[in-house]
C-alpha atoms as a PDB file:
ATOM      1  CA  MET A   1      19.951   1.037   1.333  1.00  0.00           C
ATOM      2  CA  GLY A   2      17.576   4.165   0.025  1.00  0.00           C
ATOM      3  CA  LEU A   3      14.492   5.406   1.698  1.00  0.00           C
ATOM      4  CA  PHE A   4      11.800   2.985  -0.525  1.00  0.00           C
ATOM      5  CA  GLN A   5      13.824   0.064  -0.062  1.00  0.00           C
ATOM      6  CA  SER A   6      14.275   0.653   4.129  1.00  0.00           C
ATOM      7  CA  LEU A   7      10.233   0.699   4.183  1.00  0.00           C
ATOM      8  CA  LEU A   8       9.644  -2.264   2.233  1.00  0.00           C
ATOM      9  CA  VAL A   9      10.641  -6.068   1.780  1.00  0.00           C
ATOM     10  CA  PHE A  10      10.230  -7.363  -1.596  1.00  0.00           C
ATOM     11  CA  GLY A  11      10.223 -11.814  -1.739  1.00  0.00           C
ATOM     12  CA  TYR A  12       8.829 -14.319  -3.629  1.00  0.00           C
ATOM     13  CA  GLY A  13       4.901 -13.300  -4.044  1.00  0.00           C
ATOM     14  CA  GLY A  14       4.925 -10.030  -2.547  1.00  0.00           C
ATOM     15  CA  GLU A  15       5.890  -7.819  -0.602  1.00  0.00           C
ATOM     16  CA  VAL A  16       6.125  -6.712   3.294  1.00  0.00           C
ATOM     17  CA  ARG A  17       5.904  -3.312   4.777  1.00  0.00           C
ATOM     18  CA  LEU A  18       9.185  -2.747   7.331  1.00  0.00           C
ATOM     19  CA  THR A  19       8.068   0.197   9.312  1.00  0.00           C
ATOM     20  CA  GLU A  20       4.912   2.525   9.587  1.00  0.00           C
ATOM     21  CA  ASN A  21       5.033   5.486   7.532  1.00  0.00           C
ATOM     22  CA  ALA A  22       4.351   9.125   7.107  1.00  0.00           C
ATOM     23  CA  ASP A  23       0.175   8.298   6.920  1.00  0.00           C
ATOM     24  CA  GLY A  24      -0.274   5.778   9.662  1.00  0.00           C
ATOM     25  CA  ILE A  25       0.085   3.074   7.151  1.00  0.00           C
ATOM     26  CA  ASN A  26       1.269  -0.391   9.385  1.00  0.00           C
ATOM     27  CA  ALA A  27       4.097  -1.740   9.539  1.00  0.00           C
ATOM     28  CA  GLY A  28       3.890  -6.042   9.055  1.00  0.00           C
ATOM     29  CA  GLN A  29       1.387  -4.844   5.636  1.00  0.00           C
ATOM     30  CA  TRP A  30       1.518  -7.432   3.064  1.00  0.00           C
ATOM     31  CA  GLY A  31       0.960  -7.123  -0.487  1.00  0.00           C
ATOM     32  CA  TRP A  32       1.518  -6.339  -4.107  1.00  0.00           C
ATOM     33  CA  ASN A  33       0.948  -3.418  -6.881  1.00  0.00           C
ATOM     34  CA  GLY A  34       0.494  -4.675 -10.118  1.00  0.00           C
ATOM     35  CA  PHE A  35       1.199  -3.810 -13.246  1.00  0.00           C
ATOM     36  CA  TRP A  36      -2.158  -2.249 -14.387  1.00  0.00           C
ATOM     37  CA  GLN A  37      -1.550  -0.440 -11.446  1.00  0.00           C
ATOM     38  CA  THR A  38      -3.867  -2.706  -9.054  1.00  0.00           C
ATOM     39  CA  TYR A  39      -3.172  -2.833  -5.221  1.00  0.00           C
ATOM     40  CA  PHE A  40      -3.835  -5.094  -3.039  1.00  0.00           C
ATOM     41  CA  ARG A  41      -2.764  -4.886   1.183  1.00  0.00           C
ATOM     42  CA  ILE A  42      -3.164  -7.402   3.707  1.00  0.00           C
ATOM     43  CA  ASP A  43      -2.941  -5.872   6.949  1.00  0.00           C
ATOM     44  CA  PRO A  44      -3.212  -8.300   9.780  1.00  0.00           C
ATOM     45  CA  GLN A  45      -3.229  -5.503  12.602  1.00  0.00           C
ATOM     46  CA  ASN A  46      -6.987  -4.199  11.518  1.00  0.00           C
ATOM     47  CA  ASP A  47      -7.436  -7.679  11.141  1.00  0.00           C
ATOM     48  CA  MET A  48      -8.616  -5.615   7.388  1.00  0.00           C
ATOM     49  CA  VAL A  49      -7.974  -6.286   2.545  1.00  0.00           C
ATOM     50  CA  LEU A  50      -7.390  -3.227   1.122  1.00  0.00           C
ATOM     51  CA  ILE A  51      -8.237  -3.263  -2.496  1.00  0.00           C
ATOM     52  CA  LEU A  52      -7.943  -1.216  -5.452  1.00  0.00           C
ATOM     53  CA  PHE A  53      -8.599  -2.237  -8.942  1.00  0.00           C
ATOM     54  CA  THR A  54      -8.079   0.076 -12.178  1.00  0.00           C
ATOM     55  CA  ASN A  55      -7.090  -0.288 -16.413  1.00  0.00           C
ATOM     56  CA  ALA A  56      -4.753   2.464 -16.661  1.00  0.00           C
ATOM     57  CA  PHE A  57      -1.086   1.807 -17.877  1.00  0.00           C
ATOM     58  CA  ASP A  58       1.452   4.701 -16.840  1.00  0.00           C
ATOM     59  CA  ASN A  59      -1.378   7.075 -15.613  1.00  0.00           C
ATOM     60  CA  PRO A  60       0.390  10.163 -14.116  1.00  0.00           C
ATOM     61  CA  LYS A  61      -2.386  10.372 -11.499  1.00  0.00           C
ATOM     62  CA  TRP A  62      -1.551   7.229  -9.324  1.00  0.00           C
ATOM     63  CA  ASP A  63       0.627   8.914  -6.745  1.00  0.00           C
ATOM     64  CA  GLU A  64      -2.325  10.453  -6.151  1.00  0.00           C
ATOM     65  CA  ILE A  65      -4.981   8.146  -6.587  1.00  0.00           C
ATOM     66  CA  LEU A  66      -2.891   5.634  -4.430  1.00  0.00           C
ATOM     67  CA  GLY A  67      -1.713   8.482  -1.385  1.00  0.00           C
ATOM     68  CA  GLY A  68      -5.549   9.190  -1.575  1.00  0.00           C
ATOM     69  CA  TYR A  69      -7.159   5.949  -1.079  1.00  0.00           C
ATOM     70  CA  GLU A  70      -4.449   5.021   1.975  1.00  0.00           C
ATOM     71  CA  THR A  71      -5.520   8.434   3.473  1.00  0.00           C
ATOM     72  CA  ILE A  72      -8.879   7.294   2.890  1.00  0.00           C
ATOM     73  CA  VAL A  73      -8.512   3.761   4.546  1.00  0.00           C
ATOM     74  CA  VAL A  74      -6.634   4.943   7.471  1.00  0.00           C
ATOM     75  CA  GLN A  75      -9.059   8.125   8.364  1.00  0.00           C
ATOM     76  CA  ALA A  76     -11.833   5.519   8.636  1.00  0.00           C
ATOM     77  CA  ILE A  77      -9.932   3.417  11.142  1.00  0.00           C
ATOM     78  CA  GLU A  78      -9.123   6.291  14.003  1.00  0.00           C
ATOM     79  CA  ASP A  79     -12.789   7.900  12.926  1.00  0.00           C
END
């Protein structure tokens, strides 16, 4: 099982994060990444919903945008 597969489990209607990642994203979050680079997560541990909508197919900066978004959210919780 690869690294990606060990972190997220996909099922009918979404994915569940199994382990906390290096950026502090909690295990137990669930959600989905859409084809047009839409993103939503539900984080029951922090009692919040994260939503990021874009309308860009195959944006080469998607990992940078999403990573920055997750980092900002985690930092806001810690502050």
